[in-house]
Amino acid sequence: MTSNRRPTETELIAWFLAPLASDAAAFRLGDDAAALTPPDGEDLVLTKDVLVAGIHFFADDPPGDIARKALRVNLSDLAAKGARPLAYLLGLGLHADWTADWLATFTAGLADDQRTYGLALLGGDTVSSPERLTLSVTAIGRVPRGGMLRRDGARPGDIIAVTGSIGDAAIGLQLRLDAGLSGRLGLSEAAAAHLLGRYLLPQPRSGLAEAVQRLASAGMDVSDGLAGDLAKMAGVSGVRIEIDAGSVPLSEAPAWPSLPIRRCGRWR
């Protein structure tokens, strides 16, 4: 798509969004709603995140990466529940400066991740957003009947496990905000690129969903920091959680020695 003419809403849906949709459940986005039947013996798990330009991503980020981020933060929530991706709904609040080329690149990013994670678009809505780009994704996953992991399942004697290195995205954001920080921390180009990438593109642990569902007693996505999210889990589970901060897996990128880290912590 290279034309400078802005498509109508009907054209926008037909050209950019309908190719992403499930034929069986979404009717190629030709109806007002979709119909989704859970597979036999399974429950549906639903989660939603809203992302706003200038708050959750930078407005000048590549459109395809913005799309992937909006989808992946939801897929990460599903993985933490032990759920495998099935489908999603998309709300697009487009700012006045959007173009057909921008939207083509945005939906190409969605298409790539749909193939990677095995899900399809069911529907959604498009509106004009007067101030900034706003995205809303509702992701739908599936688990064996009664098998969704909740936050309140933590029990005394449980082991706290995480599936990746902690804090990379937080450092990546700081690197994005402060161009000189990489040099002050002594980061190589490769290390800085890794941390920036962890902020720009979350890596949902969808491949571990089945193991999480089978082995864990409680689960949640780490999105507000390890300490904050452990406090939430401890509160609803009625337990005290103790960790040795020295055992928390951190990135190999040598930024952490320059940052304050508490050696131990308790949350209850």
C-alpha atoms as a PDB file:
ATOM      1  CA  MET A   1       0.000   0.000   0.000  1.00  0.00           C
ATOM      2  CA  THR A   2       1.671   3.204  -1.192  1.00  0.00           C
ATOM      3  CA  SER A   3      -1.283   5.461  -2.012  1.00  0.00           C
ATOM      4  CA  ASN A   4      -1.497   8.721  -0.089  1.00  0.00           C
ATOM      5  CA  ARG A   5      -5.311   8.514  -0.009  1.00  0.00           C
ATOM      6  CA  ARG A   6      -6.598   7.637   3.427  1.00  0.00           C
ATOM      7  CA  PRO A   7      -8.978   4.650   3.264  1.00  0.00           C
ATOM      8  CA  THR A   8     -12.497   4.821   4.614  1.00  0.00           C
ATOM      9  CA  GLU A   9     -13.329   2.758   7.702  1.00  0.00           C
ATOM     10  CA  THR A  10     -14.890   0.068   5.504  1.00  0.00           C
ATOM     11  CA  GLU A  11     -11.761  -0.055   3.350  1.00  0.00           C
ATOM     12  CA  LEU A  12      -9.532  -0.036   6.428  1.00  0.00           C
ATOM     13  CA  ILE A  13     -11.271  -3.136   7.757  1.00  0.00           C
ATOM     14  CA  ALA A  14     -11.332  -4.909   4.389  1.00  0.00           C
ATOM     15  CA  TRP A  15      -7.748  -4.102   3.363  1.00  0.00           C
ATOM     16  CA  PHE A  16      -5.844  -4.313   6.633  1.00  0.00           C
ATOM     17  CA  LEU A  17      -7.810  -6.150   9.326  1.00  0.00           C
ATOM     18  CA  ALA A  18      -9.927  -8.758   7.549  1.00  0.00           C
ATOM     19  CA  PRO A  19      -6.825 -10.676   6.333  1.00  0.00           C
ATOM     20  CA  LEU A  20      -5.893 -11.162  10.003  1.00  0.00           C
ATOM     21  CA  ALA A  21      -9.275 -12.591  10.967  1.00  0.00           C
ATOM     22  CA  SER A  22     -10.417 -16.143  11.542  1.00  0.00           C
ATOM     23  CA  ASP A  23     -12.843 -17.264   8.821  1.00  0.00           C
ATOM     24  CA  ALA A  24     -14.718 -19.680  11.067  1.00  0.00           C
ATOM     25  CA  ALA A  25     -15.213 -17.490  14.144  1.00  0.00           C
ATOM     26  CA  ALA A  26     -14.977 -13.918  12.865  1.00  0.00           C
ATOM     27  CA  PHE A  27     -16.646 -14.263   9.459  1.00  0.00           C
ATOM     28  CA  ARG A  28     -13.886 -12.189   7.864  1.00  0.00           C
ATOM     29  CA  LEU A  29     -15.069  -9.270  10.059  1.00  0.00           C
ATOM     30  CA  GLY A  30     -18.259  -9.058   8.028  1.00  0.00           C
ATOM     31  CA  ASP A  31     -20.561  -9.154  11.051  1.00  0.00           C
ATOM     32  CA  ASP A  32     -21.058  -7.144  14.233  1.00  0.00           C
ATOM     33  CA  ALA A  33     -19.718  -9.898  16.465  1.00  0.00           C
ATOM     34  CA  ALA A  34     -17.777 -13.154  16.434  1.00  0.00           C
ATOM     35  CA  ALA A  35     -18.748 -16.589  17.741  1.00  0.00           C
ATOM     36  CA  LEU A  36     -16.186 -18.676  19.608  1.00  0.00           C
ATOM     37  CA  THR A  37     -16.723 -22.168  20.997  1.00  0.00           C
ATOM     38  CA  PRO A  38     -14.160 -23.483  23.502  1.00  0.00           C
ATOM     39  CA  PRO A  39     -12.521 -26.767  22.510  1.00  0.00           C
ATOM     40  CA  ASP A  40     -14.034 -29.779  24.285  1.00  0.00           C
ATOM     41  CA  GLY A  41     -12.860 -30.095  27.869  1.00  0.00           C
ATOM     42  CA  GLU A  42     -11.272 -26.629  27.961  1.00  0.00           C
ATOM     43  CA  ASP A  43     -11.986 -23.202  29.442  1.00  0.00           C
ATOM     44  CA  LEU A  44     -11.397 -19.841  27.817  1.00  0.00           C
ATOM     45  CA  VAL A  45      -9.028 -17.410  29.569  1.00  0.00           C
ATOM     46  CA  LEU A  46      -9.404 -13.706  28.762  1.00  0.00           C
ATOM     47  CA  THR A  47      -7.093 -10.773  29.436  1.00  0.00           C
ATOM     48  CA  LYS A  48      -6.945  -7.143  28.285  1.00  0.00           C
ATOM     49  CA  ASP A  49      -4.275  -4.452  28.136  1.00  0.00           C
ATOM     50  CA  VAL A  50      -4.592  -0.869  26.889  1.00  0.00           C
ATOM     51  CA  LEU A  51      -1.456   0.825  25.544  1.00  0.00           C
ATOM     52  CA  VAL A  52      -1.153   4.575  24.968  1.00  0.00           C
ATOM     53  CA  ALA A  53       1.529   6.354  22.934  1.00  0.00           C
ATOM     54  CA  GLY A  54       3.906   8.302  25.140  1.00  0.00           C
ATOM     55  CA  ILE A  55       3.066   6.144  28.157  1.00  0.00           C
ATOM     56  CA  HIS A  56       3.526   2.499  27.153  1.00  0.00           C
ATOM     57  CA  PHE A  57       5.507   2.990  23.946  1.00  0.00           C
ATOM     58  CA  PHE A  58       7.094   5.801  21.969  1.00  0.00           C
ATOM     59  CA  ALA A  59       4.992   7.273  19.169  1.00  0.00           C
ATOM     60  CA  ASP A  60       7.942   7.045  16.758  1.00  0.00           C
ATOM     61  CA  ASP A  61       8.608   3.347  17.424  1.00  0.00           C
ATOM     62  CA  PRO A  62       8.334   1.167  14.285  1.00  0.00           C
ATOM     63  CA  PRO A  63       4.627   0.460  13.657  1.00  0.00           C
ATOM     64  CA  GLY A  64       5.165  -3.293  13.411  1.00  0.00           C
ATOM     65  CA  ASP A  65       6.907  -3.328  16.788  1.00  0.00           C
ATOM     66  CA  ILE A  66       4.119  -1.284  18.378  1.00  0.00           C
ATOM     67  CA  ALA A  67       1.645  -3.889  17.133  1.00  0.00           C
ATOM     68  CA  ARG A  68       3.745  -6.783  18.420  1.00  0.00           C
ATOM     69  CA  LYS A  69       4.141  -5.163  21.823  1.00  0.00           C
ATOM     70  CA  ALA A  70       0.398  -4.587  22.175  1.00  0.00           C
ATOM     71  CA  LEU A  71      -0.263  -8.232  21.377  1.00  0.00           C
ATOM     72  CA  ARG A  72       2.615  -9.726  23.342  1.00  0.00           C
ATOM     73  CA  VAL A  73       1.910  -8.070  26.681  1.00  0.00           C
ATOM     74  CA  ASN A  74      -1.414  -9.892  26.564  1.00  0.00           C
ATOM     75  CA  LEU A  75       0.127 -13.180  25.459  1.00  0.00           C
ATOM     76  CA  SER A  76       2.473 -12.925  28.422  1.00  0.00           C
ATOM     77  CA  ASP A  77      -0.544 -12.684  30.727  1.00  0.00           C
ATOM     78  CA  LEU A  78      -2.034 -15.783  29.115  1.00  0.00           C
ATOM     79  CA  ALA A  79       1.203 -17.748  29.495  1.00  0.00           C
ATOM     80  CA  ALA A  80       1.312 -16.891  33.211  1.00  0.00           C
ATOM     81  CA  LYS A  81      -2.161 -18.396  33.533  1.00  0.00           C
ATOM     82  CA  GLY A  82      -0.996 -21.589  31.824  1.00  0.00           C
ATOM     83  CA  ALA A  83      -3.089 -20.738  28.762  1.00  0.00           C
ATOM     84  CA  ARG A  84      -2.232 -21.242  25.121  1.00  0.00           C
ATOM     85  CA  PRO A  85      -3.214 -18.405  22.721  1.00  0.00           C
ATOM     86  CA  LEU A  86      -6.379 -18.834  20.690  1.00  0.00           C
ATOM     87  CA  ALA A  87      -7.645 -15.457  19.427  1.00  0.00           C
ATOM     88  CA  TYR A  88      -7.814 -11.737  20.177  1.00  0.00           C
ATOM     89  CA  LEU A  89      -9.908  -8.590  19.762  1.00  0.00           C
ATOM     90  CA  LEU A  90      -8.329  -5.294  18.718  1.00  0.00           C
ATOM     91  CA  GLY A  91      -9.364  -1.732  19.499  1.00  0.00           C
ATOM     92  CA  LEU A  92      -7.600   0.902  17.392  1.00  0.00           C
ATOM     93  CA  GLY A  93      -7.731   4.542  18.462  1.00  0.00           C
ATOM     94  CA  LEU A  94      -5.932   6.178  15.532  1.00  0.00           C
ATOM     95  CA  HIS A  95      -4.459   9.651  15.826  1.00  0.00           C
ATOM     96  CA  ALA A  96      -5.124  12.155  13.050  1.00  0.00           C
ATOM     97  CA  ASP A  97      -1.674  11.701  11.502  1.00  0.00           C
ATOM     98  CA  TRP A  98      -2.028   8.007  10.615  1.00  0.00           C
ATOM     99  CA  THR A  99      -1.391   6.875   7.048  1.00  0.00           C
ATOM    100  CA  ALA A 100      -2.216   3.797   5.012  1.00  0.00           C
ATOM    101  CA  ASP A 101       1.469   2.872   4.863  1.00  0.00           C
ATOM    102  CA  TRP A 102       1.755   3.098   8.666  1.00  0.00           C
ATOM    103  CA  LEU A 103      -1.283   0.855   9.107  1.00  0.00           C
ATOM    104  CA  ALA A 104       0.017  -1.642   6.549  1.00  0.00           C
ATOM    105  CA  THR A 105       3.256  -2.004   8.514  1.00  0.00           C
ATOM    106  CA  PHE A 106       1.332  -2.188  11.798  1.00  0.00           C
ATOM    107  CA  THR A 107      -0.909  -5.020  10.600  1.00  0.00           C
ATOM    108  CA  ALA A 108       2.068  -6.831   9.056  1.00  0.00           C
ATOM    109  CA  GLY A 109       3.562  -6.955  12.564  1.00  0.00           C
ATOM    110  CA  LEU A 110       0.328  -8.462  13.866  1.00  0.00           C
ATOM    111  CA  ALA A 111       0.323 -11.017  11.057  1.00  0.00           C
ATOM    112  CA  ASP A 112       3.879 -12.088  11.885  1.00  0.00           C
ATOM    113  CA  ASP A 113       3.036 -12.646  15.544  1.00  0.00           C
ATOM    114  CA  GLN A 114      -0.202 -14.428  14.691  1.00  0.00           C
ATOM    115  CA  ARG A 115       1.850 -16.977  12.765  1.00  0.00           C
ATOM    116  CA  THR A 116       4.433 -17.206  15.551  1.00  0.00           C
ATOM    117  CA  TYR A 117       2.004 -17.669  18.435  1.00  0.00           C
ATOM    118  CA  GLY A 118      -0.876 -19.406  16.670  1.00  0.00           C
ATOM    119  CA  LEU A 119      -3.864 -17.106  17.054  1.00  0.00           C
ATOM    120  CA  ALA A 120      -6.203 -15.046  14.864  1.00  0.00           C
ATOM    121  CA  LEU A 121      -8.153 -11.791  15.035  1.00  0.00           C
ATOM    122  CA  LEU A 122     -11.836 -12.084  15.967  1.00  0.00           C
ATOM    123  CA  GLY A 123     -12.903  -8.449  15.652  1.00  0.00           C
ATOM    124  CA  GLY A 124     -12.745  -5.122  17.421  1.00  0.00           C
ATOM    125  CA  ASP A 125     -13.322  -1.457  16.688  1.00  0.00           C
ATOM    126  CA  THR A 126     -11.612   1.551  15.124  1.00  0.00           C
ATOM    127  CA  VAL A 127     -12.086   5.120  16.326  1.00  0.00           C
ATOM    128  CA  SER A 128     -10.411   8.486  15.988  1.00  0.00           C
ATOM    129  CA  SER A 129      -8.205   9.390  18.961  1.00  0.00           C
ATOM    130  CA  PRO A 130      -7.821  13.169  19.270  1.00  0.00           C
ATOM    131  CA  GLU A 131      -4.554  13.249  21.235  1.00  0.00           C
ATOM    132  CA  ARG A 132      -2.479  10.107  20.616  1.00  0.00           C
ATOM    133  CA  LEU A 133      -2.486   6.557  19.335  1.00  0.00           C
ATOM    134  CA  THR A 134      -4.317   4.217  21.719  1.00  0.00           C
ATOM    135  CA  LEU A 135      -4.443   0.426  21.413  1.00  0.00           C
ATOM    136  CA  SER A 136      -6.630  -2.064  23.230  1.00  0.00           C
ATOM    137  CA  VAL A 137      -6.110  -5.814  22.889  1.00  0.00           C
ATOM    138  CA  THR A 138      -8.244  -8.496  24.483  1.00  0.00           C
ATOM    139  CA  ALA A 139      -6.496 -11.846  24.190  1.00  0.00           C
ATOM    140  CA  ILE A 140      -8.240 -15.194  24.563  1.00  0.00           C
ATOM    141  CA  GLY A 141      -6.451 -18.382  25.525  1.00  0.00           C
ATOM    142  CA  ARG A 142      -7.420 -21.929  26.417  1.00  0.00           C
ATOM    143  CA  VAL A 143      -6.631 -24.240  29.317  1.00  0.00           C
ATOM    144  CA  PRO A 144      -7.882 -27.662  30.429  1.00  0.00           C
ATOM    145  CA  ARG A 145     -11.214 -27.329  32.256  1.00  0.00           C
ATOM    146  CA  GLY A 146     -10.624 -25.734  35.652  1.00  0.00           C
ATOM    147  CA  GLY A 147      -6.892 -25.443  34.991  1.00  0.00           C
ATOM    148  CA  MET A 148      -6.266 -21.683  34.884  1.00  0.00           C
ATOM    149  CA  LEU A 149      -3.569 -20.594  37.333  1.00  0.00           C
ATOM    150  CA  ARG A 150      -4.649 -17.842  39.698  1.00  0.00           C
ATOM    151  CA  ARG A 151      -2.664 -15.415  41.817  1.00  0.00           C
ATOM    152  CA  ASP A 152      -4.160 -16.743  45.022  1.00  0.00           C
ATOM    153  CA  GLY A 153      -2.809 -20.277  44.760  1.00  0.00           C
ATOM    154  CA  ALA A 154       0.574 -19.712  46.441  1.00  0.00           C
ATOM    155  CA  ARG A 155       1.122 -21.999  49.447  1.00  0.00           C
ATOM    156  CA  PRO A 156       3.753 -22.301  52.207  1.00  0.00           C
ATOM    157  CA  GLY A 157       6.747 -24.243  50.927  1.00  0.00           C
ATOM    158  CA  ASP A 158       6.272 -23.245  47.282  1.00  0.00           C
ATOM    159  CA  ILE A 159       9.319 -22.247  45.273  1.00  0.00           C
ATOM    160  CA  ILE A 160       9.255 -18.877  43.499  1.00  0.00           C
ATOM    161  CA  ALA A 161      10.313 -19.304  39.856  1.00  0.00           C
ATOM    162  CA  VAL A 162      10.652 -16.806  37.028  1.00  0.00           C
ATOM    163  CA  THR A 163      11.085 -17.637  33.354  1.00  0.00           C
ATOM    164  CA  GLY A 164      13.562 -14.945  32.308  1.00  0.00           C
ATOM    165  CA  SER A 165      15.975 -12.305  33.532  1.00  0.00           C
ATOM    166  CA  ILE A 166      14.414  -9.592  35.682  1.00  0.00           C
ATOM    167  CA  GLY A 167      14.557  -5.843  35.078  1.00  0.00           C
ATOM    168  CA  ASP A 168      15.857  -5.758  31.501  1.00  0.00           C
ATOM    169  CA  ALA A 169      12.905  -3.775  30.174  1.00  0.00           C
ATOM    170  CA  ALA A 170      13.235  -1.209  32.969  1.00  0.00           C
ATOM    171  CA  ILE A 171      16.876  -0.595  32.055  1.00  0.00           C
ATOM    172  CA  GLY A 172      15.953  -0.553  28.365  1.00  0.00           C
ATOM    173  CA  LEU A 173      13.469   2.232  29.003  1.00  0.00           C
ATOM    174  CA  GLN A 174      16.086   4.262  30.850  1.00  0.00           C
ATOM    175  CA  LEU A 175      18.495   3.783  27.936  1.00  0.00           C
ATOM    176  CA  ARG A 176      15.812   5.037  25.571  1.00  0.00           C
ATOM    177  CA  LEU A 177      15.152   8.102  27.704  1.00  0.00           C
ATOM    178  CA  ASP A 178      18.832   8.948  28.322  1.00  0.00           C
ATOM    179  CA  ALA A 179      21.113   8.639  25.295  1.00  0.00           C
ATOM    180  CA  GLY A 180      24.244   8.971  27.431  1.00  0.00           C
ATOM    181  CA  LEU A 181      23.334   6.295  29.988  1.00  0.00           C
ATOM    182  CA  SER A 182      24.784   3.427  27.964  1.00  0.00           C
ATOM    183  CA  GLY A 183      28.232   5.006  28.009  1.00  0.00           C
ATOM    184  CA  ARG A 184      28.082   5.831  31.715  1.00  0.00           C
ATOM    185  CA  LEU A 185      27.169   2.214  32.483  1.00  0.00           C
ATOM    186  CA  GLY A 186      29.942   0.899  30.247  1.00  0.00           C
ATOM    187  CA  LEU A 187      27.603  -1.114  28.046  1.00  0.00           C
ATOM    188  CA  SER A 188      28.756  -2.585  24.768  1.00  0.00           C
ATOM    189  CA  GLU A 189      26.625  -1.900  21.684  1.00  0.00           C
ATOM    190  CA  ALA A 190      25.356  -5.476  21.808  1.00  0.00           C
ATOM    191  CA  ALA A 191      24.383  -5.233  25.482  1.00  0.00           C
ATOM    192  CA  ALA A 192      22.606  -1.919  24.968  1.00  0.00           C
ATOM    193  CA  ALA A 193      20.770  -3.298  21.934  1.00  0.00           C
ATOM    194  CA  HIS A 194      19.666  -6.338  23.947  1.00  0.00           C
ATOM    195  CA  LEU A 195      18.248  -4.200  26.751  1.00  0.00           C
ATOM    196  CA  LEU A 196      16.539  -1.783  24.363  1.00  0.00           C
ATOM    197  CA  GLY A 197      15.018  -4.758  22.586  1.00  0.00           C
ATOM    198  CA  ARG A 198      13.673  -6.192  25.828  1.00  0.00           C
ATOM    199  CA  TYR A 199      11.812  -2.914  26.410  1.00  0.00           C
ATOM    200  CA  LEU A 200      10.538  -2.598  22.858  1.00  0.00           C
ATOM    201  CA  LEU A 201       9.461  -6.208  22.307  1.00  0.00           C
ATOM    202  CA  PRO A 202       8.321  -8.369  25.239  1.00  0.00           C
ATOM    203  CA  GLN A 203       8.979 -12.098  24.900  1.00  0.00           C
ATOM    204  CA  PRO A 204       5.870 -13.977  26.092  1.00  0.00           C
ATOM    205  CA  ARG A 205       6.674 -17.439  27.457  1.00  0.00           C
ATOM    206  CA  SER A 206       3.868 -19.107  25.523  1.00  0.00           C
ATOM    207  CA  GLY A 207       5.985 -22.213  24.957  1.00  0.00           C
ATOM    208  CA  LEU A 208       6.063 -22.801  28.716  1.00  0.00           C
ATOM    209  CA  ALA A 209       2.305 -22.435  29.260  1.00  0.00           C
ATOM    210  CA  GLU A 210       1.654 -26.169  29.403  1.00  0.00           C
ATOM    211  CA  ALA A 211       4.459 -26.760  31.920  1.00  0.00           C
ATOM    212  CA  VAL A 212       3.323 -23.811  34.011  1.00  0.00           C
ATOM    213  CA  GLN A 213      -0.241 -25.114  34.027  1.00  0.00           C
ATOM    214  CA  ARG A 214       0.922 -28.594  35.034  1.00  0.00           C
ATOM    215  CA  LEU A 215       3.534 -27.727  37.674  1.00  0.00           C
ATOM    216  CA  ALA A 216       2.748 -24.361  39.267  1.00  0.00           C
ATOM    217  CA  SER A 217       0.270 -23.634  42.053  1.00  0.00           C
ATOM    218  CA  ALA A 218      -0.039 -19.912  41.258  1.00  0.00           C
ATOM    219  CA  GLY A 219       1.107 -17.647  38.473  1.00  0.00           C
ATOM    220  CA  MET A 220       1.136 -14.081  37.211  1.00  0.00           C
ATOM    221  CA  ASP A 221       2.926 -11.973  34.659  1.00  0.00           C
ATOM    222  CA  VAL A 222       5.724  -9.767  36.004  1.00  0.00           C
ATOM    223  CA  SER A 223       4.718  -6.380  34.634  1.00  0.00           C
ATOM    224  CA  ASP A 224       5.012  -4.023  37.627  1.00  0.00           C
ATOM    225  CA  GLY A 225       8.386  -5.254  38.853  1.00  0.00           C
ATOM    226  CA  LEU A 226       9.216  -8.423  40.764  1.00  0.00           C
ATOM    227  CA  ALA A 227       8.742  -6.901  44.214  1.00  0.00           C
ATOM    228  CA  GLY A 228       5.419  -5.283  43.369  1.00  0.00           C
ATOM    229  CA  ASP A 229       3.977  -8.376  41.756  1.00  0.00           C
ATOM    230  CA  LEU A 230       5.175 -10.687  44.534  1.00  0.00           C
ATOM    231  CA  ALA A 231       3.417  -8.385  47.001  1.00  0.00           C
ATOM    232  CA  LYS A 232       0.176  -8.791  45.048  1.00  0.00           C
ATOM    233  CA  MET A 233       0.492 -12.575  44.994  1.00  0.00           C
ATOM    234  CA  ALA A 234       1.355 -12.740  48.683  1.00  0.00           C
ATOM    235  CA  GLY A 235      -1.589 -10.525  49.594  1.00  0.00           C
ATOM    236  CA  VAL A 236      -4.287 -12.521  47.801  1.00  0.00           C
ATOM    237  CA  SER A 237      -2.734 -15.882  48.759  1.00  0.00           C
ATOM    238  CA  GLY A 238      -2.400 -15.015  52.448  1.00  0.00           C
ATOM    239  CA  VAL A 239       1.257 -16.008  52.607  1.00  0.00           C
ATOM    240  CA  ARG A 240       4.643 -14.407  53.233  1.00  0.00           C
ATOM    241  CA  ILE A 241       7.098 -14.596  50.351  1.00  0.00           C
ATOM    242  CA  GLU A 242      10.833 -14.477  51.016  1.00  0.00           C
ATOM    243  CA  ILE A 243      13.496 -14.216  48.322  1.00  0.00           C
ATOM    244  CA  ASP A 244      17.256 -13.861  48.226  1.00  0.00           C
ATOM    245  CA  ALA A 245      17.819 -11.041  45.734  1.00  0.00           C
ATOM    246  CA  GLY A 246      21.219 -12.515  44.932  1.00  0.00           C
ATOM    247  CA  SER A 247      19.428 -15.514  43.430  1.00  0.00           C
ATOM    248  CA  VAL A 248      17.202 -13.454  41.146  1.00  0.00           C
ATOM    249  CA  PRO A 249      18.249 -14.088  37.526  1.00  0.00           C
ATOM    250  CA  LEU A 250      19.567 -10.874  35.989  1.00  0.00           C
ATOM    251  CA  SER A 251      20.708 -10.063  32.489  1.00  0.00           C
ATOM    252  CA  GLU A 252      24.335 -10.650  31.628  1.00  0.00           C
ATOM    253  CA  ALA A 253      24.464  -7.074  30.359  1.00  0.00           C
ATOM    254  CA  PRO A 254      26.718  -5.282  32.911  1.00  0.00           C
ATOM    255  CA  ALA A 255      24.289  -2.554  33.943  1.00  0.00           C
ATOM    256  CA  TRP A 256      23.234  -4.015  37.266  1.00  0.00           C
ATOM    257  CA  PRO A 257      26.454  -3.442  39.242  1.00  0.00           C
ATOM    258  CA  SER A 258      25.873   0.287  38.820  1.00  0.00           C
ATOM    259  CA  LEU A 259      22.329   0.112  40.168  1.00  0.00           C
ATOM    260  CA  PRO A 260      21.187  -0.371  43.795  1.00  0.00           C
ATOM    261  CA  ILE A 261      19.931  -3.892  44.530  1.00  0.00           C
ATOM    262  CA  ARG A 262      18.613  -5.071  47.867  1.00  0.00           C
ATOM    263  CA  ARG A 263      20.126  -8.375  48.884  1.00  0.00           C
ATOM    264  CA  CYS A 264      16.989  -9.816  50.388  1.00  0.00           C
ATOM    265  CA  GLY A 265      13.319  -9.054  50.703  1.00  0.00           C
ATOM    266  CA  ARG A 266      10.054 -10.170  52.246  1.00  0.00           C
ATOM    267  CA  TRP A 267       6.515  -9.540  51.067  1.00  0.00           C
ATOM    268  CA  ARG A 268       3.351 -10.392  52.926  1.00  0.00           C
END
